[in-house]
Amino acid sequence: MSNIHPLRHLFLGGARSGKSALAEAAAHAWLQQFPKGQVVYVATAQVLDKEMQARVALHQQRRPSSWLVLEEPMQLAQVLNSLPQKPQQPVCFLIDCLTLWLSNQLCQQVKVDADNVMLAEQAIDELLACLAEHEGSVLLVSNEVGSGIVPMGELSRQFQDLSGIMNQRLAQACERVTLAVAGLPMQLK
């Protein structure tokens, strides 16, 4: 292992809470520490409508052109393993957003059933195992969806439950956890 000290930092928050901007600021700070490094922005969104297209465009405008952008809605563990760490060019991954990734996992088939829930749970396990072995820094962005009411629909409840479980497990695996509220960072860990 190189002399690069990896960091796993989870950024949580509600919609438009500022969590992505805080993660991007952390990536800029990482580059100050490792000027020869490479930020790899992993976008999990699938642009299926004009509203999502506008959201993605907002994120694209904020990103520097020097960051490598990978669009991967499903295979996060494979992406993290795809770029090995090199002492001469360390890599910091910024994954935005895990909630969309989880939704992609849960809804990967037309019919959502128990198999999809099991596959989503396996994908979370794979991601956590990869994070445990990964030598580089990883900034993770996820929505905090459990602060509201319990949804009426089965799929919505499954998504809310899996999101909460995923966020808890990631928070345990990360050295730092930040909750974004109204654009302000609250350090949880």
Protein backbone atom coordinates (compact mmCIF):
# COMPACT_ATOMS: atom_id res chain seq x y z
CA MET A 1 0.00 0.00 0.00
CA SER A 2 1.25 3.49 -0.83
CA ASN A 3 1.77 6.38 1.57
CA ILE A 4 -1.60 7.81 0.54
CA HIS A 5 -4.03 7.78 3.44
CA PRO A 6 -7.41 6.79 2.03
CA LEU A 7 -10.52 8.46 3.31
CA ARG A 8 -14.07 7.24 3.12
CA HIS A 9 -16.45 10.14 3.65
CA LEU A 10 -20.24 9.82 3.49
CA PHE A 11 -22.30 12.93 2.74
CA LEU A 12 -25.97 12.62 3.68
CA GLY A 13 -28.86 15.03 3.28
CA GLY A 14 -32.27 15.62 1.84
CA ALA A 15 -33.08 16.82 -1.66
CA ARG A 16 -31.31 20.11 -2.43
CA SER A 17 -29.61 20.07 0.98
CA GLY A 18 -26.17 20.86 -0.45
CA LYS A 19 -24.69 17.39 0.07
CA SER A 20 -23.32 17.12 -3.49
CA ALA A 21 -21.73 20.57 -3.32
CA LEU A 22 -20.08 19.63 0.00
CA ALA A 23 -18.73 16.40 -1.51
CA GLU A 24 -17.43 18.33 -4.53
CA ALA A 25 -15.70 20.80 -2.18
CA ALA A 26 -14.11 17.82 -0.41
CA ALA A 27 -12.84 16.56 -3.77
CA HIS A 28 -11.31 19.99 -4.49
CA ALA A 29 -9.65 19.92 -1.05
CA TRP A 30 -8.32 16.42 -1.77
CA LEU A 31 -6.77 17.73 -4.99
CA GLN A 32 -5.03 20.47 -2.99
CA GLN A 33 -3.45 17.74 -0.89
CA PHE A 34 -2.64 15.55 -3.90
CA PRO A 35 -2.12 17.93 -6.86
CA LYS A 36 -1.02 15.09 -9.13
CA GLY A 37 -4.12 13.09 -8.25
CA GLN A 38 -7.20 12.39 -10.31
CA VAL A 39 -10.80 12.90 -9.20
CA VAL A 40 -13.12 10.34 -10.74
CA TYR A 41 -16.74 11.43 -10.57
CA VAL A 42 -19.05 8.43 -10.80
CA ALA A 43 -22.53 9.52 -11.86
CA THR A 44 -25.27 6.98 -11.13
CA ALA A 45 -28.24 8.90 -12.57
CA GLN A 46 -30.06 7.63 -15.60
CA VAL A 47 -31.50 10.48 -17.64
CA LEU A 48 -34.99 9.25 -18.44
CA ASP A 49 -36.87 12.57 -18.49
CA LYS A 50 -36.35 16.33 -18.86
CA GLU A 51 -36.42 16.98 -15.12
CA MET A 52 -33.55 14.56 -14.52
CA GLN A 53 -31.74 16.02 -17.50
CA ALA A 54 -31.90 19.46 -15.81
CA ARG A 55 -30.60 18.01 -12.52
CA VAL A 56 -27.69 16.34 -14.28
CA ALA A 57 -26.90 19.54 -16.20
CA LEU A 58 -26.65 21.46 -12.90
CA HIS A 59 -24.10 18.94 -11.59
CA GLN A 60 -22.17 19.00 -14.88
CA GLN A 61 -21.85 22.80 -14.75
CA ARG A 62 -20.22 22.64 -11.30
CA ARG A 63 -17.65 19.98 -12.19
CA PRO A 64 -14.21 20.91 -13.48
CA SER A 65 -13.35 19.55 -16.90
CA SER A 66 -10.21 17.95 -15.41
CA TRP A 67 -12.29 15.43 -13.46
CA LEU A 68 -12.80 12.08 -15.13
CA VAL A 69 -16.54 11.34 -15.34
CA LEU A 70 -17.84 7.79 -15.45
CA GLU A 71 -21.54 7.16 -15.86
CA GLU A 72 -22.38 3.93 -14.09
CA PRO A 73 -25.90 3.34 -12.80
CA MET A 74 -25.33 -0.22 -11.53
CA GLN A 75 -21.77 -1.58 -11.13
CA LEU A 76 -20.12 0.62 -8.48
CA ALA A 77 -17.87 -2.07 -7.00
CA GLN A 78 -16.49 -2.85 -10.46
CA VAL A 79 -15.84 0.85 -11.14
CA LEU A 80 -13.96 1.26 -7.85
CA ASN A 81 -11.80 -1.72 -8.75
CA SER A 82 -11.21 -0.51 -12.33
CA LEU A 83 -8.65 2.19 -11.55
CA PRO A 84 -5.76 0.98 -9.40
CA GLN A 85 -4.00 3.37 -7.03
CA LYS A 86 -0.59 4.54 -8.16
CA PRO A 87 1.71 6.55 -5.88
CA GLN A 88 2.47 8.93 -8.77
CA GLN A 89 -1.26 9.55 -9.43
CA PRO A 90 -3.63 8.75 -6.58
CA VAL A 91 -7.35 8.59 -7.30
CA CYS A 92 -10.27 10.00 -5.36
CA PHE A 93 -13.69 8.67 -6.33
CA LEU A 94 -16.75 10.84 -5.82
CA ILE A 95 -19.90 8.74 -6.16
CA ASP A 96 -23.10 10.73 -6.62
CA CYS A 97 -25.60 9.47 -5.75
CA LEU A 98 -26.04 6.20 -3.89
CA THR A 99 -29.77 6.70 -3.52
CA LEU A 100 -30.20 6.75 -7.30
CA TRP A 101 -27.89 3.74 -7.55
CA LEU A 102 -30.03 1.87 -5.00
CA SER A 103 -33.16 2.80 -6.92
CA ASN A 104 -31.54 1.46 -10.10
CA GLN A 105 -30.73 -1.78 -8.26
CA LEU A 106 -34.24 -2.13 -6.91
CA CYS A 107 -35.97 -1.37 -10.21
CA GLN A 108 -33.67 -3.17 -12.62
CA GLN A 109 -36.50 -5.32 -13.93
CA VAL A 110 -39.95 -4.28 -15.09
CA LYS A 111 -41.51 -6.29 -12.30
CA VAL A 112 -40.22 -5.34 -8.86
CA ASP A 113 -40.27 -8.29 -6.50
CA ALA A 114 -38.37 -9.97 -3.68
CA ASP A 115 -35.60 -10.96 -6.10
CA ASN A 116 -34.86 -7.28 -6.78
CA VAL A 117 -34.65 -6.59 -3.04
CA MET A 118 -32.23 -9.50 -2.65
CA LEU A 119 -30.15 -8.26 -5.61
CA ALA A 120 -30.07 -4.75 -4.14
CA GLU A 121 -28.92 -6.14 -0.79
CA GLN A 122 -26.19 -8.12 -2.57
CA ALA A 123 -25.08 -4.99 -4.44
CA ILE A 124 -24.81 -3.12 -1.11
CA ASP A 125 -22.75 -5.99 0.32
CA GLU A 126 -20.44 -5.90 -2.73
CA LEU A 127 -19.99 -2.15 -2.44
CA LEU A 128 -19.14 -2.37 1.27
CA ALA A 129 -16.67 -5.21 0.66
CA CYS A 130 -15.03 -3.18 -2.11
CA LEU A 131 -14.78 -0.10 0.13
CA ALA A 132 -13.10 -2.17 2.83
CA GLU A 133 -10.36 -3.24 0.39
CA HIS A 134 -10.10 -0.08 -1.71
CA GLU A 135 -6.83 1.81 -1.23
CA GLY A 136 -7.99 5.18 -2.52
CA SER A 137 -10.21 7.91 -1.15
CA VAL A 138 -13.93 7.63 -1.76
CA LEU A 139 -16.51 10.37 -1.27
CA LEU A 140 -20.06 9.03 -1.18
CA VAL A 141 -23.27 11.03 -1.57
CA SER A 142 -26.61 9.64 -0.39
CA ASN A 143 -30.04 10.96 0.49
CA GLU A 144 -31.39 10.77 4.00
CA VAL A 145 -34.91 9.54 3.23
CA GLY A 146 -36.02 8.21 6.60
CA SER A 147 -36.98 11.49 8.24
CA GLY A 148 -40.46 11.65 6.74
CA ILE A 149 -43.56 9.54 6.95
CA VAL A 150 -43.60 5.84 6.10
CA PRO A 151 -44.70 5.57 2.44
CA MET A 152 -47.93 3.79 1.54
CA GLY A 153 -46.62 1.66 -1.34
CA GLU A 154 -44.62 -1.54 -0.89
CA LEU A 155 -41.84 -0.52 -3.30
CA SER A 156 -41.50 2.89 -1.62
CA ARG A 157 -41.26 1.24 1.81
CA GLN A 158 -38.67 -1.24 0.55
CA PHE A 159 -36.65 1.62 -0.92
CA GLN A 160 -36.86 3.66 2.28
CA ASP A 161 -35.86 0.67 4.42
CA LEU A 162 -32.97 -0.33 2.14
CA SER A 163 -31.75 3.29 1.98
CA GLY A 164 -31.70 3.52 5.76
CA ILE A 165 -29.88 0.20 6.12
CA MET A 166 -27.40 1.14 3.38
CA ASN A 167 -26.68 4.53 4.96
CA GLN A 168 -26.19 2.98 8.41
CA ARG A 169 -23.76 0.41 7.06
CA LEU A 170 -21.86 3.01 5.04
CA ALA A 171 -21.67 5.33 8.05
CA GLN A 172 -20.05 2.50 10.03
CA ALA A 173 -17.56 1.84 7.22
CA CYS A 174 -16.59 5.50 6.70
CA GLU A 175 -14.10 7.51 8.73
CA ARG A 176 -16.19 10.66 8.26
CA VAL A 177 -19.92 11.31 7.94
CA THR A 178 -21.39 14.72 7.17
CA LEU A 179 -25.08 15.62 7.23
CA ALA A 180 -25.98 18.54 4.96
CA VAL A 181 -28.80 20.77 6.18
CA ALA A 182 -29.63 23.96 4.27
CA GLY A 183 -26.19 23.83 2.64
CA LEU A 184 -24.41 23.66 5.99
CA PRO A 185 -22.26 20.69 7.04
CA MET A 186 -22.98 18.97 10.33
CA GLN A 187 -20.15 16.56 11.21
CA LEU A 188 -21.66 13.35 12.56
CA LYS A 189 -18.43 11.37 12.61
